[in-house]
Amino acid sequence: MNVQKPYRHMFDFVFILALFCVFSASAFLAVVIGASVYQTTTENMDANYRNRTASAYITEKIRHNDTAGAVGLTTIDDTLCLTLEKTVDAVSYTTYIYHYDDHLMELFIKTSDTPRLASGQPILPAKDFSAEKTGPSLYAFTVRDIVDREHSFCISVQSDDGKKVGE
């Protein structure tokens, strides 16, 4: 008895190898494209977080201190500062929000004390912060984040009668 081995063509092997290579290349391209999309999405989310955090923080601080004359702008050591004044138990306090040492900073002190910008607490990294009073009760702010994206927003101070809004 003569047992015959099945005859295999070289073409069968090449076809299977080519099919495997196409599958591998497709899987590799899908991973590379997915990684690129993920990186772009992550960068955009980080930028939105930094910009929205700065605008939300400043907005909430102004809303919390929204009494007549409590919100203003001043310059300390050639640095523009947003000032928020508040009286607690007959003691006047001032919150300063400003750009210092590549950060958006906050300093909360008694109004009678001399502010030192280096003493503030960092809020978040930022390349620049600017503020401008554009109307009787309107302030415009611009924050430039660490990747050089600029975010501008306006806030209107609501109080005009010496009381907090909602009182």
Foldseek 3Di string as FASTA:
>chain_A
DDDDDDDDDPVVVVVVVVVVVVVVVVVVVVVVVVVVVVVVVVVVVVVCCVQVQVVVVVQVLCLVQQFPPQWDWDADPNWIWIWGWDADPNWIKIWTFTDDPQFTWIDIDGPPDDDDVVPTDGDGGFDHKDKDAPDPFKMKIWTQHPVRDIDIDMDGRDYDPRDRPPD
